[in-house]
């Protein structure tokens, strides 16, 4: 049987450093943190400790990420619905009764999955083209 690797607990961020900044410095730091999609705290920690920064997201990458998040949420809902259908079917079969299937619901779920597969393929193709250097 496979065992999951142990996960290191995150260290509690309990210490604070207060610094004074000009409006210009503050806005620059805020813009740079936003560019790499980090909070200002995380950005300052990484900068001060000379840790690597994430790659800045291109506008398309960010849009693709947002679309993929929506698709993920919708597919999770569809997966939950399919699990409920399968559970109901299994319960009915266990009782020795005939299974009544709502084919329209199943066709809607299949279409949802097909639509999202198409959207994901288009996003992946565009990302592949945009990352070729």
C-alpha atoms as a PDB file:
ATOM      1  CA  UNK A   1       0.000   0.000   0.000  1.00  0.00           C
ATOM      2  CA  UNK A   2       1.276   3.464  -0.921  1.00  0.00           C
ATOM      3  CA  UNK A   3       1.821   5.938   1.845  1.00  0.00           C
ATOM      4  CA  UNK A   4       1.536   9.648   1.350  1.00  0.00           C
ATOM      5  CA  UNK A   5       4.690  11.708   1.858  1.00  0.00           C
ATOM      6  CA  UNK A   6       4.747  13.632   5.101  1.00  0.00           C
ATOM      7  CA  UNK A   7       3.904  17.284   4.763  1.00  0.00           C
ATOM      8  CA  UNK A   8       5.997  19.850   6.569  1.00  0.00           C
ATOM      9  CA  UNK A   9       3.827  22.190   8.656  1.00  0.00           C
ATOM     10  CA  UNK A  10       4.005  25.813   7.613  1.00  0.00           C
ATOM     11  CA  UNK A  11       5.928  27.977   9.980  1.00  0.00           C
ATOM     12  CA  UNK A  12       3.830  30.597  11.722  1.00  0.00           C
ATOM     13  CA  UNK A  13       4.578  34.142  10.564  1.00  0.00           C
ATOM     14  CA  UNK A  14       4.426  35.823  13.948  1.00  0.00           C
ATOM     15  CA  UNK A  15       7.083  38.563  13.740  1.00  0.00           C
ATOM     16  CA  UNK A  16       6.565  42.010  12.236  1.00  0.00           C
ATOM     17  CA  UNK A  17       8.932  44.599  10.799  1.00  0.00           C
ATOM     18  CA  UNK A  18       7.585  48.111  10.417  1.00  0.00           C
ATOM     19  CA  UNK A  19       9.261  50.350   7.845  1.00  0.00           C
ATOM     20  CA  UNK A  20       8.519  53.797   6.559  1.00  0.00           C
ATOM     21  CA  UNK A  21       8.130  54.305   2.811  1.00  0.00           C
ATOM     22  CA  UNK A  22       7.407  57.205   0.541  1.00  0.00           C
ATOM     23  CA  UNK A  23       4.213  56.968  -1.466  1.00  0.00           C
ATOM     24  CA  UNK A  24       6.340  56.351  -4.541  1.00  0.00           C
ATOM     25  CA  UNK A  25       8.281  53.471  -2.927  1.00  0.00           C
ATOM     26  CA  UNK A  26       5.087  51.957  -1.549  1.00  0.00           C
ATOM     27  CA  UNK A  27       3.377  52.088  -4.951  1.00  0.00           C
ATOM     28  CA  UNK A  28       6.431  50.591  -6.670  1.00  0.00           C
ATOM     29  CA  UNK A  29       6.563  47.672  -4.237  1.00  0.00           C
ATOM     30  CA  UNK A  30       2.821  47.152  -4.524  1.00  0.00           C
ATOM     31  CA  UNK A  31       3.038  47.133  -8.350  1.00  0.00           C
ATOM     32  CA  UNK A  32       5.979  44.706  -8.390  1.00  0.00           C
ATOM     33  CA  UNK A  33       4.241  42.363  -5.951  1.00  0.00           C
ATOM     34  CA  UNK A  34       1.088  42.481  -8.039  1.00  0.00           C
ATOM     35  CA  UNK A  35       3.082  41.768 -11.187  1.00  0.00           C
ATOM     36  CA  UNK A  36       4.213  38.402  -9.798  1.00  0.00           C
ATOM     37  CA  UNK A  37       0.867  37.784  -8.074  1.00  0.00           C
ATOM     38  CA  UNK A  38       2.221  37.946  -4.505  1.00  0.00           C
ATOM     39  CA  UNK A  39       1.075  39.773  -1.423  1.00  0.00           C
ATOM     40  CA  UNK A  40       3.298  42.673  -0.425  1.00  0.00           C
ATOM     41  CA  UNK A  41       4.434  40.714   2.657  1.00  0.00           C
ATOM     42  CA  UNK A  42       5.452  37.680   0.628  1.00  0.00           C
ATOM     43  CA  UNK A  43       7.141  39.886  -1.971  1.00  0.00           C
ATOM     44  CA  UNK A  44       9.157  41.736   0.695  1.00  0.00           C
ATOM     45  CA  UNK A  45      10.145  38.465   2.424  1.00  0.00           C
ATOM     46  CA  UNK A  46      11.347  36.957  -0.844  1.00  0.00           C
ATOM     47  CA  UNK A  47      13.215  40.128  -1.795  1.00  0.00           C
ATOM     48  CA  UNK A  48      14.911  40.559   1.585  1.00  0.00           C
ATOM     49  CA  UNK A  49      15.902  36.884   1.800  1.00  0.00           C
ATOM     50  CA  UNK A  50      16.919  36.767  -1.875  1.00  0.00           C
ATOM     51  CA  UNK A  51      14.476  33.973  -2.651  1.00  0.00           C
ATOM     52  CA  UNK A  52      13.288  33.332  -6.170  1.00  0.00           C
ATOM     53  CA  UNK A  53      10.250  35.168  -7.440  1.00  0.00           C
ATOM     54  CA  UNK A  54       7.527  33.494  -9.462  1.00  0.00           C
ATOM     55  CA  UNK A  55       7.425  34.252 -13.169  1.00  0.00           C
ATOM     56  CA  UNK A  56       5.208  37.263 -13.915  1.00  0.00           C
ATOM     57  CA  UNK A  57       1.947  36.228 -15.532  1.00  0.00           C
ATOM     58  CA  UNK A  58       1.239  37.557 -18.982  1.00  0.00           C
ATOM     59  CA  UNK A  59      -2.237  39.010 -19.413  1.00  0.00           C
ATOM     60  CA  UNK A  60      -3.269  35.914 -21.360  1.00  0.00           C
ATOM     61  CA  UNK A  61      -1.829  33.580 -18.711  1.00  0.00           C
ATOM     62  CA  UNK A  62      -3.893  35.308 -16.044  1.00  0.00           C
ATOM     63  CA  UNK A  63      -7.050  35.145 -18.163  1.00  0.00           C
ATOM     64  CA  UNK A  64      -6.371  31.470 -18.946  1.00  0.00           C
ATOM     65  CA  UNK A  65      -5.855  30.767 -15.258  1.00  0.00           C
ATOM     66  CA  UNK A  66      -9.162  32.412 -14.377  1.00  0.00           C
ATOM     67  CA  UNK A  67     -10.994  30.436 -17.090  1.00  0.00           C
ATOM     68  CA  UNK A  68      -9.372  27.198 -15.933  1.00  0.00           C
ATOM     69  CA  UNK A  69     -10.452  27.914 -12.341  1.00  0.00           C
ATOM     70  CA  UNK A  70     -14.062  28.334 -13.478  1.00  0.00           C
ATOM     71  CA  UNK A  71     -13.864  25.151 -15.552  1.00  0.00           C
ATOM     72  CA  UNK A  72     -12.390  23.294 -12.585  1.00  0.00           C
ATOM     73  CA  UNK A  73     -15.263  24.414 -10.353  1.00  0.00           C
ATOM     74  CA  UNK A  74     -17.882  23.380 -12.912  1.00  0.00           C
ATOM     75  CA  UNK A  75     -16.238  19.989 -13.493  1.00  0.00           C
ATOM     76  CA  UNK A  76     -16.162  19.381  -9.733  1.00  0.00           C
ATOM     77  CA  UNK A  77     -19.906  20.024  -9.623  1.00  0.00           C
ATOM     78  CA  UNK A  78     -20.454  17.665 -12.564  1.00  0.00           C
ATOM     79  CA  UNK A  79     -18.286  15.044 -10.854  1.00  0.00           C
ATOM     80  CA  UNK A  80     -20.310  15.357  -7.657  1.00  0.00           C
ATOM     81  CA  UNK A  81     -23.521  14.943  -9.659  1.00  0.00           C
ATOM     82  CA  UNK A  82     -22.143  11.831 -11.373  1.00  0.00           C
ATOM     83  CA  UNK A  83     -21.127  10.382  -8.011  1.00  0.00           C
ATOM     84  CA  UNK A  84     -24.634  10.957  -6.672  1.00  0.00           C
ATOM     85  CA  UNK A  85     -26.143   9.279  -9.751  1.00  0.00           C
ATOM     86  CA  UNK A  86     -23.781   6.309  -9.419  1.00  0.00           C
ATOM     87  CA  UNK A  87     -24.545   6.002  -5.710  1.00  0.00           C
ATOM     88  CA  UNK A  88     -28.294   6.056  -6.353  1.00  0.00           C
ATOM     89  CA  UNK A  89     -27.954   3.452  -9.117  1.00  0.00           C
ATOM     90  CA  UNK A  90     -25.874   1.209  -6.858  1.00  0.00           C
ATOM     91  CA  UNK A  91     -28.466   1.491  -4.064  1.00  0.00           C
ATOM     92  CA  UNK A  92     -31.318   0.606  -6.415  1.00  0.00           C
ATOM     93  CA  UNK A  93     -29.387  -2.361  -7.878  1.00  0.00           C
ATOM     94  CA  UNK A  94     -28.593  -3.601  -4.356  1.00  0.00           C
ATOM     95  CA  UNK A  95     -32.330  -3.602  -3.620  1.00  0.00           C
ATOM     96  CA  UNK A  96     -32.960  -5.645  -6.785  1.00  0.00           C
ATOM     97  CA  UNK A  97     -35.024  -2.936  -8.441  1.00  0.00           C
ATOM     98  CA  UNK A  98     -34.663  -1.727 -12.038  1.00  0.00           C
ATOM     99  CA  UNK A  99     -32.525   1.357 -12.575  1.00  0.00           C
ATOM    100  CA  UNK A 100     -34.310   4.394 -14.003  1.00  0.00           C
ATOM    101  CA  UNK A 101     -31.857   6.754 -15.696  1.00  0.00           C
ATOM    102  CA  UNK A 102     -32.512  10.380 -16.566  1.00  0.00           C
ATOM    103  CA  UNK A 103     -30.798  10.359 -19.960  1.00  0.00           C
ATOM    104  CA  UNK A 104     -31.289  14.107 -20.437  1.00  0.00           C
ATOM    105  CA  UNK A 105     -29.276  14.821 -17.277  1.00  0.00           C
ATOM    106  CA  UNK A 106     -26.523  12.440 -18.369  1.00  0.00           C
ATOM    107  CA  UNK A 107     -26.416  14.019 -21.840  1.00  0.00           C
ATOM    108  CA  UNK A 108     -26.148  17.493 -20.239  1.00  0.00           C
ATOM    109  CA  UNK A 109     -23.202  16.348 -18.114  1.00  0.00           C
ATOM    110  CA  UNK A 110     -21.524  14.757 -21.147  1.00  0.00           C
ATOM    111  CA  UNK A 111     -21.969  17.983 -23.132  1.00  0.00           C
ATOM    112  CA  UNK A 112     -20.563  20.036 -20.262  1.00  0.00           C
ATOM    113  CA  UNK A 113     -17.483  17.818 -20.177  1.00  0.00           C
ATOM    114  CA  UNK A 114     -17.060  18.013 -23.985  1.00  0.00           C
ATOM    115  CA  UNK A 115     -17.364  21.821 -23.928  1.00  0.00           C
ATOM    116  CA  UNK A 116     -14.752  22.122 -21.214  1.00  0.00           C
ATOM    117  CA  UNK A 117     -12.400  19.703 -22.954  1.00  0.00           C
ATOM    118  CA  UNK A 118     -12.576  21.920 -26.046  1.00  0.00           C
ATOM    119  CA  UNK A 119     -11.929  25.070 -23.999  1.00  0.00           C
ATOM    120  CA  UNK A 120      -8.991  23.463 -22.187  1.00  0.00           C
ATOM    121  CA  UNK A 121      -7.427  22.269 -25.469  1.00  0.00           C
ATOM    122  CA  UNK A 122      -7.718  25.785 -26.927  1.00  0.00           C
ATOM    123  CA  UNK A 123      -6.107  27.351 -23.852  1.00  0.00           C
ATOM    124  CA  UNK A 124      -3.279  24.801 -23.814  1.00  0.00           C
ATOM    125  CA  UNK A 125      -2.607  25.347 -27.542  1.00  0.00           C
ATOM    126  CA  UNK A 126      -2.496  29.124 -27.097  1.00  0.00           C
ATOM    127  CA  UNK A 127      -0.257  28.839 -24.028  1.00  0.00           C
ATOM    128  CA  UNK A 128       2.087  26.512 -25.927  1.00  0.00           C
ATOM    129  CA  UNK A 129       2.384  29.079 -28.732  1.00  0.00           C
ATOM    130  CA  UNK A 130       2.892  31.989 -26.336  1.00  0.00           C
ATOM    131  CA  UNK A 131       5.674  30.263 -24.404  1.00  0.00           C
ATOM    132  CA  UNK A 132       7.725  29.281 -27.453  1.00  0.00           C
ATOM    133  CA  UNK A 133      10.812  31.467 -27.393  1.00  0.00           C
END
